[in-house]
């Protein structure tokens, strides 16, 4: 089997007319293993490494807070989007107090 194969699935009506065509991509086991190797932690590690390379040897004070804010903003944004903006639900998912979420939303430019 090749590493990547695209197949078309056709759903048809009883009279034989095509109702829906759906494409699906299939990967062989070796390719799936490579994809799994790109875990979130691995991706973040690579991005942080590239960011630090751009800084050279001159790291700004407060680097921890800077990087954490870069991760925190999209995390909060994604959770808010997936909860339809429900702050109570979002705060439970994130494991933080709703008031803390509201504070972080304000910091990152999300309207409360």
PDB file of N, CA and C in Angstrom:
ATOM      1  N   UNK A   1       0.853  -1.188   0.000  1.00  0.00           N
ATOM      2  CA  UNK A   1       0.000   0.000   0.000  1.00  0.00           C
ATOM      3  C   UNK A   1       0.889   1.237   0.000  1.00  0.00           C
ATOM      4  N   UNK A   2       0.565   2.209  -0.809  1.00  0.00           N
ATOM      5  CA  UNK A   2       1.314   3.454  -0.811  1.00  0.00           C
ATOM      6  C   UNK A   2       1.068   4.200   0.493  1.00  0.00           C
ATOM      7  N   UNK A   3       1.933   5.198   0.793  1.00  0.00           N
ATOM      8  CA  UNK A   3       1.812   5.879   2.081  1.00  0.00           C
ATOM      9  C   UNK A   3       0.537   6.703   2.199  1.00  0.00           C
ATOM     10  N   UNK A   4       0.036   7.202   1.083  1.00  0.00           N
ATOM     11  CA  UNK A   4      -1.159   8.052   1.103  1.00  0.00           C
ATOM     12  C   UNK A   4      -2.040   7.659  -0.073  1.00  0.00           C
ATOM     13  N   UNK A   5      -3.317   7.489   0.208  1.00  0.00           N
ATOM     14  CA  UNK A   5      -4.251   7.147  -0.862  1.00  0.00           C
ATOM     15  C   UNK A   5      -5.544   7.908  -0.628  1.00  0.00           C
ATOM     16  N   UNK A   6      -6.028   8.553  -1.679  1.00  0.00           N
ATOM     17  CA  UNK A   6      -7.316   9.246  -1.585  1.00  0.00           C
ATOM     18  C   UNK A   6      -8.363   8.382  -2.270  1.00  0.00           C
ATOM     19  N   UNK A   7      -9.442   8.152  -1.578  1.00  0.00           N
ATOM     20  CA  UNK A   7     -10.522   7.360  -2.153  1.00  0.00           C
ATOM     21  C   UNK A   7     -11.790   8.191  -2.162  1.00  0.00           C
ATOM     22  N   UNK A   8     -12.631   7.931  -3.124  1.00  0.00           N
ATOM     23  CA  UNK A   8     -13.925   8.605  -3.203  1.00  0.00           C
ATOM     24  C   UNK A   8     -15.009   7.610  -2.830  1.00  0.00           C
ATOM     25  N   UNK A   9     -15.837   7.990  -1.875  1.00  0.00           N
ATOM     26  CA  UNK A   9     -16.971   7.173  -1.478  1.00  0.00           C
ATOM     27  C   UNK A   9     -18.218   7.808  -2.073  1.00  0.00           C
ATOM     28  N   UNK A  10     -18.969   7.040  -2.791  1.00  0.00           N
ATOM     29  CA  UNK A  10     -20.173   7.559  -3.430  1.00  0.00           C
ATOM     30  C   UNK A  10     -21.386   6.952  -2.745  1.00  0.00           C
ATOM     31  N   UNK A  11     -22.240   7.810  -2.241  1.00  0.00           N
ATOM     32  CA  UNK A  11     -23.511   7.378  -1.674  1.00  0.00           C
ATOM     33  C   UNK A  11     -24.550   7.575  -2.763  1.00  0.00           C
ATOM     34  N   UNK A  12     -25.291   6.532  -3.075  1.00  0.00           N
ATOM     35  CA  UNK A  12     -26.245   6.665  -4.177  1.00  0.00           C
ATOM     36  C   UNK A  12     -27.671   6.412  -3.711  1.00  0.00           C
ATOM     37  N   UNK A  13     -28.593   6.925  -4.492  1.00  0.00           N
ATOM     38  CA  UNK A  13     -30.021   6.718  -4.253  1.00  0.00           C
ATOM     39  C   UNK A  13     -30.410   5.363  -4.837  1.00  0.00           C
ATOM     40  N   UNK A  14     -31.568   4.860  -4.447  1.00  0.00           N
ATOM     41  CA  UNK A  14     -32.013   3.569  -4.997  1.00  0.00           C
ATOM     42  C   UNK A  14     -32.073   3.543  -6.524  1.00  0.00           C
ATOM     43  N   UNK A  15     -32.333   4.695  -7.157  1.00  0.00           N
ATOM     44  CA  UNK A  15     -32.411   4.721  -8.623  1.00  0.00           C
ATOM     45  C   UNK A  15     -31.035   4.790  -9.278  1.00  0.00           C
ATOM     46  N   UNK A  16     -29.973   4.778  -8.453  1.00  0.00           N
ATOM     47  CA  UNK A  16     -28.613   4.778  -8.983  1.00  0.00           C
ATOM     48  C   UNK A  16     -27.992   6.150  -9.123  1.00  0.00           C
ATOM     49  N   UNK A  17     -28.750   7.211  -8.923  1.00  0.00           N
ATOM     50  CA  UNK A  17     -28.200   8.559  -9.039  1.00  0.00           C
ATOM     51  C   UNK A  17     -27.303   8.856  -7.838  1.00  0.00           C
ATOM     52  N   UNK A  18     -26.199   9.524  -8.100  1.00  0.00           N
ATOM     53  CA  UNK A  18     -25.271   9.863  -7.017  1.00  0.00           C
ATOM     54  C   UNK A  18     -25.911  10.888  -6.093  1.00  0.00           C
ATOM     55  N   UNK A  19     -25.880  10.595  -4.821  1.00  0.00           N
ATOM     56  CA  UNK A  19     -26.432  11.497  -3.817  1.00  0.00           C
ATOM     57  C   UNK A  19     -25.315  12.353  -3.226  1.00  0.00           C
ATOM     58  N   UNK A  20     -24.173  11.731  -2.996  1.00  0.00           N
ATOM     59  CA  UNK A  20     -23.090  12.438  -2.335  1.00  0.00           C
ATOM     60  C   UNK A  20     -21.774  11.764  -2.687  1.00  0.00           C
ATOM     61  N   UNK A  21     -20.747  12.563  -2.934  1.00  0.00           N
ATOM     62  CA  UNK A  21     -19.401  12.043  -3.140  1.00  0.00           C
ATOM     63  C   UNK A  21     -18.554  12.583  -2.005  1.00  0.00           C
ATOM     64  N   UNK A  22     -17.881  11.700  -1.317  1.00  0.00           N
ATOM     65  CA  UNK A  22     -17.093  12.083  -0.151  1.00  0.00           C
ATOM     66  C   UNK A  22     -15.680  11.553  -0.338  1.00  0.00           C
ATOM     67  N   UNK A  23     -14.683  12.420  -0.219  1.00  0.00           N
ATOM     68  CA  UNK A  23     -13.290  11.991  -0.331  1.00  0.00           C
ATOM     69  C   UNK A  23     -12.758  11.624   1.039  1.00  0.00           C
ATOM     70  N   UNK A  24     -11.918  10.613   1.058  1.00  0.00           N
ATOM     71  CA  UNK A  24     -11.307  10.183   2.313  1.00  0.00           C
ATOM     72  C   UNK A  24      -9.840   9.889   2.027  1.00  0.00           C
ATOM     73  N   UNK A  25      -8.981  10.326   2.916  1.00  0.00           N
ATOM     74  CA  UNK A  25      -7.554  10.066   2.781  1.00  0.00           C
ATOM     75  C   UNK A  25      -7.184   8.955   3.747  1.00  0.00           C
ATOM     76  N   UNK A  26      -6.463   7.963   3.237  1.00  0.00           N
ATOM     77  CA  UNK A  26      -6.028   6.846   4.065  1.00  0.00           C
ATOM     78  C   UNK A  26      -4.502   6.839   4.112  1.00  0.00           C
ATOM     79  N   UNK A  27      -3.934   6.530   5.273  1.00  0.00           N
ATOM     80  CA  UNK A  27      -2.489   6.463   5.452  1.00  0.00           C
ATOM     81  C   UNK A  27      -2.083   5.054   5.826  1.00  0.00           C
ATOM     82  N   UNK A  28      -0.887   4.658   5.393  1.00  0.00           N
ATOM     83  CA  UNK A  28      -0.391   3.356   5.818  1.00  0.00           C
ATOM     84  C   UNK A  28       0.124   3.468   7.259  1.00  0.00           C
ATOM     85  N   UNK A  29       0.334   2.339   7.954  1.00  0.00           N
ATOM     86  CA  UNK A  29       0.742   2.373   9.366  1.00  0.00           C
ATOM     87  C   UNK A  29       2.031   3.153   9.621  1.00  0.00           C
ATOM     88  N   UNK A  30       3.013   3.060   8.732  1.00  0.00           N
ATOM     89  CA  UNK A  30       4.275   3.784   8.937  1.00  0.00           C
ATOM     90  C   UNK A  30       4.054   5.294   8.892  1.00  0.00           C
ATOM     91  N   UNK A  31       3.209   5.740   7.972  1.00  0.00           N
ATOM     92  CA  UNK A  31       2.913   7.169   7.872  1.00  0.00           C
ATOM     93  C   UNK A  31       2.139   7.646   9.094  1.00  0.00           C
ATOM     94  N   UNK A  32       1.190   6.845   9.563  1.00  0.00           N
ATOM     95  CA  UNK A  32       0.443   7.205  10.773  1.00  0.00           C
ATOM     96  C   UNK A  32       1.371   7.342  11.968  1.00  0.00           C
ATOM     97  N   UNK A  33       2.371   6.468  12.055  1.00  0.00           N
ATOM     98  CA  UNK A  33       3.322   6.542  13.170  1.00  0.00           C
ATOM     99  C   UNK A  33       4.118   7.844  13.108  1.00  0.00           C
ATOM    100  N   UNK A  34       4.500   8.267  11.905  1.00  0.00           N
ATOM    101  CA  UNK A  34       5.221   9.533  11.751  1.00  0.00           C
ATOM    102  C   UNK A  34       4.338  10.713  12.152  1.00  0.00           C
ATOM    103  N   UNK A  35       3.076  10.659  11.766  1.00  0.00           N
ATOM    104  CA  UNK A  35       2.143  11.732  12.121  1.00  0.00           C
ATOM    105  C   UNK A  35       1.984  11.807  13.635  1.00  0.00           C
ATOM    106  N   UNK A  36       1.847  10.656  14.280  1.00  0.00           N
ATOM    107  CA  UNK A  36       1.712  10.624  15.738  1.00  0.00           C
ATOM    108  C   UNK A  36       2.945  11.189  16.426  1.00  0.00           C
ATOM    109  N   UNK A  37       4.100  11.109  15.767  1.00  0.00           N
ATOM    110  CA  UNK A  37       5.329  11.643  16.340  1.00  0.00           C
ATOM    111  C   UNK A  37       5.313  13.155  16.466  1.00  0.00           C
ATOM    112  N   UNK A  38       4.375  13.783  15.794  1.00  0.00           N
ATOM    113  CA  UNK A  38       4.267  15.240  15.859  1.00  0.00           C
ATOM    114  C   UNK A  38       3.226  15.620  16.907  1.00  0.00           C
ATOM    115  N   UNK A  39       3.507  15.243  18.132  1.00  0.00           N
ATOM    116  CA  UNK A  39       2.596  15.549  19.230  1.00  0.00           C
ATOM    117  C   UNK A  39       2.585  17.051  19.488  1.00  0.00           C
ATOM    118  N   UNK A  40       1.602  17.489  20.225  1.00  0.00           N
ATOM    119  CA  UNK A  40       1.511  18.903  20.578  1.00  0.00           C
ATOM    120  C   UNK A  40       2.786  19.355  21.280  1.00  0.00           C
ATOM    121  N   UNK A  41       3.270  18.538  22.209  1.00  0.00           N
ATOM    122  CA  UNK A  41       4.495  18.895  22.938  1.00  0.00           C
ATOM    123  C   UNK A  41       5.673  19.039  21.981  1.00  0.00           C
ATOM    124  N   UNK A  42       5.766  18.122  21.027  1.00  0.00           N
ATOM    125  CA  UNK A  42       6.846  18.166  20.053  1.00  0.00           C
ATOM    126  C   UNK A  42       6.738  19.424  19.192  1.00  0.00           C
ATOM    127  N   UNK A  43       5.542  19.731  18.730  1.00  0.00           N
ATOM    128  CA  UNK A  43       5.343  20.920  17.901  1.00  0.00           C
ATOM    129  C   UNK A  43       5.679  22.198  18.661  1.00  0.00           C
ATOM    130  N   UNK A  44       5.258  22.274  19.912  1.00  0.00           N
ATOM    131  CA  UNK A  44       5.557  23.451  20.733  1.00  0.00           C
ATOM    132  C   UNK A  44       7.062  23.561  20.951  1.00  0.00           C
ATOM    133  N   UNK A  45       7.710  22.430  21.211  1.00  0.00           N
ATOM    134  CA  UNK A  45       9.158  22.415  21.418  1.00  0.00           C
ATOM    135  C   UNK A  45       9.886  22.971  20.192  1.00  0.00           C
ATOM    136  N   UNK A  46       9.488  22.534  19.018  1.00  0.00           N
ATOM    137  CA  UNK A  46      10.119  23.003  17.784  1.00  0.00           C
ATOM    138  C   UNK A  46       9.895  24.501  17.601  1.00  0.00           C
ATOM    139  N   UNK A  47       8.658  24.957  17.817  1.00  0.00           N
ATOM    140  CA  UNK A  47       8.354  26.385  17.652  1.00  0.00           C
ATOM    141  C   UNK A  47       9.119  27.251  18.652  1.00  0.00           C
ATOM    142  N   UNK A  48       9.208  26.802  19.902  1.00  0.00           N
ATOM    143  CA  UNK A  48       9.958  27.565  20.906  1.00  0.00           C
ATOM    144  C   UNK A  48      11.432  27.607  20.523  1.00  0.00           C
ATOM    145  N   UNK A  49      11.957  26.487  20.059  1.00  0.00           N
ATOM    146  CA  UNK A  49      13.354  26.452  19.617  1.00  0.00           C
ATOM    147  C   UNK A  49      13.621  27.448  18.503  1.00  0.00           C
ATOM    148  N   UNK A  50      12.730  27.505  17.526  1.00  0.00           N
ATOM    149  CA  UNK A  50      12.889  28.458  16.418  1.00  0.00           C
ATOM    150  C   UNK A  50      12.788  29.901  16.909  1.00  0.00           C
ATOM    151  N   UNK A  51      11.863  30.144  17.823  1.00  0.00           N
ATOM    152  CA  UNK A  51      11.698  31.485  18.392  1.00  0.00           C
ATOM    153  C   UNK A  51      12.977  31.912  19.111  1.00  0.00           C
ATOM    154  N   UNK A  52      13.536  31.007  19.921  1.00  0.00           N
ATOM    155  CA  UNK A  52      14.763  31.319  20.654  1.00  0.00           C
ATOM    156  C   UNK A  52      15.940  31.504  19.703  1.00  0.00           C
ATOM    157  N   UNK A  53      15.982  30.736  18.622  1.00  0.00           N
ATOM    158  CA  UNK A  53      17.037  30.913  17.618  1.00  0.00           C
ATOM    159  C   UNK A  53      16.983  32.313  17.025  1.00  0.00           C
ATOM    160  N   UNK A  54      15.785  32.828  16.801  1.00  0.00           N
ATOM    161  CA  UNK A  54      15.635  34.172  16.246  1.00  0.00           C
ATOM    162  C   UNK A  54      16.135  35.235  17.215  1.00  0.00           C
ATOM    163  N   UNK A  55      16.022  34.953  18.506  1.00  0.00           N
ATOM    164  CA  UNK A  55      16.480  35.918  19.504  1.00  0.00           C
ATOM    165  C   UNK A  55      17.997  35.940  19.619  1.00  0.00           C
ATOM    166  N   UNK A  56      18.643  34.886  19.165  1.00  0.00           N
ATOM    167  CA  UNK A  56      20.096  34.794  19.310  1.00  0.00           C
ATOM    168  C   UNK A  56      20.454  34.535  20.757  1.00  0.00           C
ATOM    169  N   UNK A  57      21.405  35.296  21.267  1.00  0.00           N
ATOM    170  CA  UNK A  57      21.844  35.113  22.659  1.00  0.00           C
ATOM    171  C   UNK A  57      21.255  36.167  23.583  1.00  0.00           C
ATOM    172  N   UNK A  58      20.374  36.983  23.069  1.00  0.00           N
ATOM    173  CA  UNK A  58      19.826  38.078  23.859  1.00  0.00           C
ATOM    174  C   UNK A  58      18.365  37.797  24.199  1.00  0.00           C
ATOM    175  N   UNK A  59      18.162  37.162  25.324  1.00  0.00           N
ATOM    176  CA  UNK A  59      16.814  36.801  25.754  1.00  0.00           C
ATOM    177  C   UNK A  59      16.230  37.925  26.604  1.00  0.00           C
ATOM    178  N   UNK A  60      15.012  38.344  26.291  1.00  0.00           N
ATOM    179  CA  UNK A  60      14.406  39.427  27.073  1.00  0.00           C
ATOM    180  C   UNK A  60      13.998  38.947  28.461  1.00  0.00           C
ATOM    181  N   UNK A  61      13.958  39.879  29.395  1.00  0.00           N
ATOM    182  CA  UNK A  61      13.427  39.546  30.722  1.00  0.00           C
ATOM    183  C   UNK A  61      11.943  39.244  30.568  1.00  0.00           C
ATOM    184  N   UNK A  62      11.457  38.348  31.396  1.00  0.00           N
ATOM    185  CA  UNK A  62      10.047  37.990  31.322  1.00  0.00           C
ATOM    186  C   UNK A  62       9.733  37.043  30.174  1.00  0.00           C
ATOM    187  N   UNK A  63      10.735  36.303  29.720  1.00  0.00           N
ATOM    188  CA  UNK A  63      10.551  35.391  28.591  1.00  0.00           C
ATOM    189  C   UNK A  63       9.486  34.338  28.873  1.00  0.00           C
ATOM    190  N   UNK A  64       9.457  33.834  30.099  1.00  0.00           N
ATOM    191  CA  UNK A  64       8.464  32.821  30.469  1.00  0.00           C
ATOM    192  C   UNK A  64       7.052  33.366  30.261  1.00  0.00           C
ATOM    193  N   UNK A  65       6.786  34.552  30.803  1.00  0.00           N
ATOM    194  CA  UNK A  65       5.450  35.144  30.667  1.00  0.00           C
ATOM    195  C   UNK A  65       5.111  35.432  29.206  1.00  0.00           C
ATOM    196  N   UNK A  66       6.103  35.860  28.433  1.00  0.00           N
ATOM    197  CA  UNK A  66       5.881  36.145  27.016  1.00  0.00           C
ATOM    198  C   UNK A  66       5.453  34.882  26.271  1.00  0.00           C
ATOM    199  N   UNK A  67       6.184  33.801  26.469  1.00  0.00           N
ATOM    200  CA  UNK A  67       5.862  32.554  25.772  1.00  0.00           C
ATOM    201  C   UNK A  67       4.540  31.982  26.264  1.00  0.00           C
ATOM    202  N   UNK A  68       4.312  32.020  27.564  1.00  0.00           N
ATOM    203  CA  UNK A  68       3.053  31.486  28.092  1.00  0.00           C
ATOM    204  C   UNK A  68       1.859  32.260  27.547  1.00  0.00           C
ATOM    205  N   UNK A  69       1.997  33.566  27.386  1.00  0.00           N
ATOM    206  CA  UNK A  69       0.883  34.349  26.842  1.00  0.00           C
ATOM    207  C   UNK A  69       0.619  33.984  25.386  1.00  0.00           C
ATOM    208  N   UNK A  70       1.669  33.627  24.653  1.00  0.00           N
ATOM    209  CA  UNK A  70       1.508  33.229  23.251  1.00  0.00           C
ATOM    210  C   UNK A  70       0.779  31.892  23.135  1.00  0.00           C
ATOM    211  N   UNK A  71       0.921  31.038  24.130  1.00  0.00           N
ATOM    212  CA  UNK A  71       0.225  29.748  24.141  1.00  0.00           C
ATOM    213  C   UNK A  71      -1.179  29.919  24.718  1.00  0.00           C
ATOM    214  N   UNK A  72      -1.280  30.739  25.753  1.00  0.00           N
ATOM    215  CA  UNK A  72      -2.546  30.922  26.458  1.00  0.00           C
ATOM    216  C   UNK A  72      -3.616  31.557  25.570  1.00  0.00           C
ATOM    217  N   UNK A  73      -3.242  32.545  24.777  1.00  0.00           N
ATOM    218  CA  UNK A  73      -4.224  33.259  23.959  1.00  0.00           C
ATOM    219  C   UNK A  73      -4.951  32.328  22.987  1.00  0.00           C
ATOM    220  N   UNK A  74      -4.246  31.544  22.154  1.00  0.00           N
ATOM    221  CA  UNK A  74      -4.989  30.666  21.245  1.00  0.00           C
ATOM    222  C   UNK A  74      -5.742  29.554  21.969  1.00  0.00           C
ATOM    223  N   UNK A  75      -5.220  29.103  23.104  1.00  0.00           N
ATOM    224  CA  UNK A  75      -5.931  28.074  23.871  1.00  0.00           C
ATOM    225  C   UNK A  75      -7.278  28.606  24.344  1.00  0.00           C
ATOM    226  N   UNK A  76      -7.267  29.784  24.937  1.00  0.00           N
ATOM    227  CA  UNK A  76      -8.512  30.387  25.413  1.00  0.00           C
ATOM    228  C   UNK A  76      -9.454  30.656  24.241  1.00  0.00           C
ATOM    229  N   UNK A  77      -8.907  31.173  23.150  1.00  0.00           N
ATOM    230  CA  UNK A  77      -9.730  31.450  21.975  1.00  0.00           C
ATOM    231  C   UNK A  77     -10.392  30.197  21.416  1.00  0.00           C
ATOM    232  N   UNK A  78      -9.645  29.116  21.335  1.00  0.00           N
ATOM    233  CA  UNK A  78     -10.201  27.863  20.819  1.00  0.00           C
ATOM    234  C   UNK A  78     -11.297  27.317  21.732  1.00  0.00           C
ATOM    235  N   UNK A  79     -11.063  27.374  23.037  1.00  0.00           N
ATOM    236  CA  UNK A  79     -12.062  26.850  23.974  1.00  0.00           C
ATOM    237  C   UNK A  79     -13.318  27.716  23.947  1.00  0.00           C
ATOM    238  N   UNK A  80     -13.151  29.025  23.882  1.00  0.00           N
ATOM    239  CA  UNK A  80     -14.322  29.906  23.793  1.00  0.00           C
ATOM    240  C   UNK A  80     -15.115  29.628  22.520  1.00  0.00           C
ATOM    241  N   UNK A  81     -14.406  29.419  21.424  1.00  0.00           N
ATOM    242  CA  UNK A  81     -15.088  29.125  20.160  1.00  0.00           C
ATOM    243  C   UNK A  81     -15.858  27.806  20.268  1.00  0.00           C
ATOM    244  N   UNK A  82     -15.248  26.811  20.872  1.00  0.00           N
ATOM    245  CA  UNK A  82     -15.860  25.484  20.949  1.00  0.00           C
ATOM    246  C   UNK A  82     -16.991  25.409  21.974  1.00  0.00           C
ATOM    247  N   UNK A  83     -17.035  26.383  22.884  1.00  0.00           N
ATOM    248  CA  UNK A  83     -18.130  26.424  23.858  1.00  0.00           C
ATOM    249  C   UNK A  83     -19.163  27.480  23.486  1.00  0.00           C
ATOM    250  N   UNK A  84     -19.023  28.054  22.297  1.00  0.00           N
ATOM    251  CA  UNK A  84     -19.962  29.081  21.867  1.00  0.00           C
ATOM    252  C   UNK A  84     -19.886  30.327  22.732  1.00  0.00           C
ATOM    253  N   UNK A  85     -18.725  30.581  23.322  1.00  0.00           N
ATOM    254  CA  UNK A  85     -18.543  31.751  24.175  1.00  0.00           C
ATOM    255  C   UNK A  85     -19.055  31.579  25.591  1.00  0.00           C
ATOM    256  N   UNK A  86     -19.483  30.388  25.947  1.00  0.00           N
ATOM    257  CA  UNK A  86     -19.992  30.127  27.297  1.00  0.00           C
ATOM    258  C   UNK A  86     -18.819  30.115  28.277  1.00  0.00           C
ATOM    259  N   UNK A  87     -18.699  31.190  29.041  1.00  0.00           N
ATOM    260  CA  UNK A  87     -17.558  31.354  29.934  1.00  0.00           C
ATOM    261  C   UNK A  87     -17.559  30.365  31.085  1.00  0.00           C
ATOM    262  N   UNK A  88     -18.718  30.010  31.575  1.00  0.00           N
ATOM    263  CA  UNK A  88     -18.793  29.036  32.674  1.00  0.00           C
ATOM    264  C   UNK A  88     -18.258  27.692  32.190  1.00  0.00           C
ATOM    265  N   UNK A  89     -18.736  27.263  31.036  1.00  0.00           N
ATOM    266  CA  UNK A  89     -18.285  25.990  30.472  1.00  0.00           C
ATOM    267  C   UNK A  89     -16.795  26.049  30.131  1.00  0.00           C
ATOM    268  N   UNK A  90     -16.358  27.152  29.512  1.00  0.00           N
ATOM    269  CA  UNK A  90     -14.951  27.312  29.136  1.00  0.00           C
ATOM    270  C   UNK A  90     -14.046  27.282  30.363  1.00  0.00           C
ATOM    271  N   UNK A  91     -14.457  27.959  31.431  1.00  0.00           N
ATOM    272  CA  UNK A  91     -13.615  27.982  32.635  1.00  0.00           C
ATOM    273  C   UNK A  91     -13.506  26.593  33.256  1.00  0.00           C
ATOM    274  N   UNK A  92     -14.585  25.815  33.191  1.00  0.00           N
ATOM    275  CA  UNK A  92     -14.532  24.439  33.708  1.00  0.00           C
ATOM    276  C   UNK A  92     -13.580  23.587  32.884  1.00  0.00           C
ATOM    277  N   UNK A  93     -13.652  23.710  31.566  1.00  0.00           N
ATOM    278  CA  UNK A  93     -12.761  22.946  30.690  1.00  0.00           C
ATOM    279  C   UNK A  93     -11.306  23.313  30.961  1.00  0.00           C
ATOM    280  N   UNK A  94     -11.042  24.602  31.113  1.00  0.00           N
ATOM    281  CA  UNK A  94      -9.678  25.070  31.338  1.00  0.00           C
ATOM    282  C   UNK A  94      -9.196  24.829  32.767  1.00  0.00           C
ATOM    283  N   UNK A  95     -10.128  24.582  33.677  1.00  0.00           N
ATOM    284  CA  UNK A  95      -9.752  24.353  35.068  1.00  0.00           C
ATOM    285  C   UNK A  95      -9.355  25.619  35.797  1.00  0.00           C
ATOM    286  N   UNK A  96      -9.964  26.732  35.382  1.00  0.00           N
ATOM    287  CA  UNK A  96      -9.692  28.008  36.050  1.00  0.00           C
ATOM    288  C   UNK A  96     -11.016  28.649  36.455  1.00  0.00           C
ATOM    289  N   UNK A  97     -10.932  29.563  37.411  1.00  0.00           N
ATOM    290  CA  UNK A  97     -12.089  30.301  37.887  1.00  0.00           C
ATOM    291  C   UNK A  97     -12.635  31.178  36.762  1.00  0.00           C
ATOM    292  N   UNK A  98     -13.947  31.365  36.724  1.00  0.00           N
ATOM    293  CA  UNK A  98     -14.552  32.189  35.672  1.00  0.00           C
ATOM    294  C   UNK A  98     -14.017  33.616  35.700  1.00  0.00           C
ATOM    295  N   UNK A  99     -13.793  34.162  36.895  1.00  0.00           N
ATOM    296  CA  UNK A  99     -13.239  35.516  36.978  1.00  0.00           C
ATOM    297  C   UNK A  99     -11.822  35.570  36.413  1.00  0.00           C
ATOM    298  N   UNK A 100     -11.058  34.510  36.632  1.00  0.00           N
ATOM    299  CA  UNK A 100      -9.713  34.428  36.059  1.00  0.00           C
ATOM    300  C   UNK A 100      -9.807  34.370  34.540  1.00  0.00           C
ATOM    301  N   UNK A 101     -10.758  33.604  34.036  1.00  0.00           N
ATOM    302  CA  UNK A 101     -10.959  33.531  32.590  1.00  0.00           C
ATOM    303  C   UNK A 101     -11.301  34.907  32.035  1.00  0.00           C
ATOM    304  N   UNK A 102     -12.207  35.611  32.692  1.00  0.00           N
ATOM    305  CA  UNK A 102     -12.601  36.946  32.226  1.00  0.00           C
ATOM    306  C   UNK A 102     -11.399  37.893  32.210  1.00  0.00           C
ATOM    307  N   UNK A 103     -10.548  37.807  33.224  1.00  0.00           N
ATOM    308  CA  UNK A 103      -9.343  38.644  33.288  1.00  0.00           C
ATOM    309  C   UNK A 103      -8.418  38.319  32.114  1.00  0.00           C
ATOM    310  N   UNK A 104      -8.230  37.032  31.856  1.00  0.00           N
ATOM    311  CA  UNK A 104      -7.356  36.615  30.759  1.00  0.00           C
ATOM    312  C   UNK A 104      -7.961  36.987  29.406  1.00  0.00           C
ATOM    313  N   UNK A 105      -9.280  36.918  29.291  1.00  0.00           N
ATOM    314  CA  UNK A 105      -9.946  37.330  28.057  1.00  0.00           C
ATOM    315  C   UNK A 105      -9.670  38.805  27.781  1.00  0.00           C
ATOM    316  N   UNK A 106      -9.722  39.609  28.821  1.00  0.00           N
ATOM    317  CA  UNK A 106      -9.469  41.042  28.675  1.00  0.00           C
ATOM    318  C   UNK A 106      -8.018  41.289  28.263  1.00  0.00           C
ATOM    319  N   UNK A 107      -7.086  40.586  28.901  1.00  0.00           N
ATOM    320  CA  UNK A 107      -5.661  40.729  28.584  1.00  0.00           C
ATOM    321  C   UNK A 107      -5.393  40.397  27.117  1.00  0.00           C
ATOM    322  N   UNK A 108      -6.046  39.342  26.628  1.00  0.00           N
ATOM    323  CA  UNK A 108      -5.772  38.855  25.276  1.00  0.00           C
ATOM    324  C   UNK A 108      -6.688  39.452  24.208  1.00  0.00           C
ATOM    325  N   UNK A 109      -7.550  40.377  24.613  1.00  0.00           N
ATOM    326  CA  UNK A 109      -8.380  41.084  23.642  1.00  0.00           C
ATOM    327  C   UNK A 109      -9.657  40.379  23.236  1.00  0.00           C
ATOM    328  N   UNK A 110     -10.100  39.435  24.049  1.00  0.00           N
ATOM    329  CA  UNK A 110     -11.388  38.785  23.791  1.00  0.00           C
ATOM    330  C   UNK A 110     -12.449  39.549  24.565  1.00  0.00           C
ATOM    331  N   UNK A 111     -13.504  39.959  23.873  1.00  0.00           N
ATOM    332  CA  UNK A 111     -14.559  40.730  24.532  1.00  0.00           C
ATOM    333  C   UNK A 111     -15.296  39.846  25.532  1.00  0.00           C
ATOM    334  N   UNK A 112     -15.481  40.337  26.770  1.00  0.00           N
ATOM    335  CA  UNK A 112     -16.212  39.535  27.773  1.00  0.00           C
ATOM    336  C   UNK A 112     -17.708  39.513  27.516  1.00  0.00           C
TER     337      UNK A 112
END
